[in-house]
Amino acid sequence: MSVRSRPIRGGARPGRNETERRGWRWWHYTIAFVVLLVVGGLAWGGYAIWFAVTHVRTSYARVTGLVVNVAAKDDTRVQKVLVRTGDEVK
């Protein structure tokens, strides 16, 4: 029996290197990982957009300013208000 006529171990085909086995190689795992990252990013982005459209966000803020009490000197009724909210008066 010659060396070439012996059966090859592991079911490899003749003419293939040992490194060219069937199965997942490192770049298959890399592509799968990148695809999972893209799908996860799209899902998270879609959820973030949906949440921003359907929910109102508020933040607790303080407004500082000068508060002045305005009162009449006598106990009388106000007949007309000649200013609007936000107008500057003296």
Protein backbone atom coordinates (compact mmCIF):
# COMPACT_ATOMS: atom_id res chain seq x y z
CA MET A 1 0.00 0.00 0.00
CA SER A 2 1.44 3.32 -1.02
CA VAL A 3 1.29 6.52 1.02
CA ARG A 4 -1.25 8.14 -1.32
CA SER A 5 -3.70 5.26 -1.26
CA ARG A 6 -4.16 5.32 2.53
CA PRO A 7 -7.47 6.70 3.82
CA ILE A 8 -7.26 10.28 5.03
CA ARG A 9 -8.07 10.92 8.67
CA GLY A 10 -10.99 13.11 9.73
CA GLY A 11 -12.90 12.82 6.49
CA ALA A 12 -10.94 15.58 4.79
CA ARG A 13 -10.94 15.57 1.04
CA PRO A 14 -7.79 15.10 -0.96
CA GLY A 15 -6.31 18.39 -2.13
CA ARG A 16 -7.52 20.37 0.89
CA ASN A 17 -5.20 21.69 3.54
CA GLU A 18 -5.80 20.87 7.15
CA THR A 19 -6.70 24.53 7.84
CA GLU A 20 -9.41 24.53 5.16
CA ARG A 21 -11.82 22.36 7.11
CA ARG A 22 -15.52 22.82 6.95
CA GLY A 23 -17.14 24.77 9.74
CA TRP A 24 -17.12 28.26 11.11
CA ARG A 25 -13.91 30.17 10.84
CA TRP A 26 -13.00 33.28 12.83
CA TRP A 27 -14.40 35.67 10.23
CA HIS A 28 -17.80 33.93 10.34
CA TYR A 29 -18.00 34.77 14.03
CA THR A 30 -16.90 38.34 13.33
CA ILE A 31 -19.59 38.84 10.68
CA ALA A 32 -22.24 37.33 12.97
CA PHE A 33 -21.16 39.63 15.81
CA VAL A 34 -21.30 42.71 13.58
CA VAL A 35 -24.74 41.73 12.28
CA LEU A 36 -25.99 41.30 15.86
CA LEU A 37 -24.59 44.71 16.80
CA VAL A 38 -26.30 46.37 13.83
CA VAL A 39 -29.64 44.68 14.54
CA GLY A 40 -29.39 45.59 18.23
CA GLY A 41 -28.50 49.19 17.39
CA LEU A 42 -31.43 49.51 15.01
CA ALA A 43 -33.79 48.07 17.62
CA TRP A 44 -32.50 50.43 20.32
CA GLY A 45 -32.66 53.43 17.96
CA GLY A 46 -36.21 52.60 16.92
CA TYR A 47 -37.27 52.30 20.54
CA ALA A 48 -35.58 55.60 21.42
CA ILE A 49 -37.36 57.40 18.57
CA TRP A 50 -40.71 55.84 19.50
CA PHE A 51 -40.22 56.79 23.16
CA ALA A 52 -39.29 60.38 22.28
CA VAL A 53 -42.38 60.77 20.10
CA THR A 54 -44.87 59.25 22.54
CA HIS A 55 -43.57 60.58 25.88
CA VAL A 56 -43.05 64.04 27.32
CA ARG A 57 -39.83 64.61 29.19
CA THR A 58 -39.54 67.30 31.81
CA SER A 59 -36.69 68.31 33.98
CA TYR A 60 -36.98 69.96 37.33
CA ALA A 61 -35.77 73.51 36.92
CA ARG A 62 -35.75 76.59 39.05
CA VAL A 63 -36.72 79.94 37.69
CA THR A 64 -35.23 82.86 39.51
CA GLY A 65 -36.60 86.33 39.32
CA LEU A 66 -37.88 89.26 41.24
CA VAL A 67 -41.31 88.74 42.74
CA VAL A 68 -43.23 91.87 43.64
CA ASN A 69 -46.58 91.98 45.37
CA VAL A 70 -48.91 94.47 43.73
CA ALA A 71 -51.78 95.68 45.85
CA ALA A 72 -54.05 98.70 46.03
CA LYS A 73 -53.70 101.18 48.90
CA ASP A 74 -57.44 101.14 49.57
CA ASP A 75 -59.91 98.29 49.71
CA THR A 76 -61.47 98.93 46.31
CA ARG A 77 -62.41 96.92 43.27
CA VAL A 78 -60.29 96.83 40.14
CA GLN A 79 -62.28 98.18 37.23
CA LYS A 80 -59.71 97.88 34.42
CA VAL A 81 -56.35 96.19 34.00
CA LEU A 82 -54.28 98.22 31.55
CA VAL A 83 -51.35 95.81 31.28
CA ARG A 84 -50.95 92.25 30.12
CA THR A 85 -49.00 89.39 31.59
CA GLY A 86 -45.33 89.89 30.91
CA ASP A 87 -45.51 93.67 30.32
CA GLU A 88 -42.91 95.78 32.11
CA VAL A 89 -44.38 98.38 34.41
CA LYS A 90 -42.97 101.08 36.70
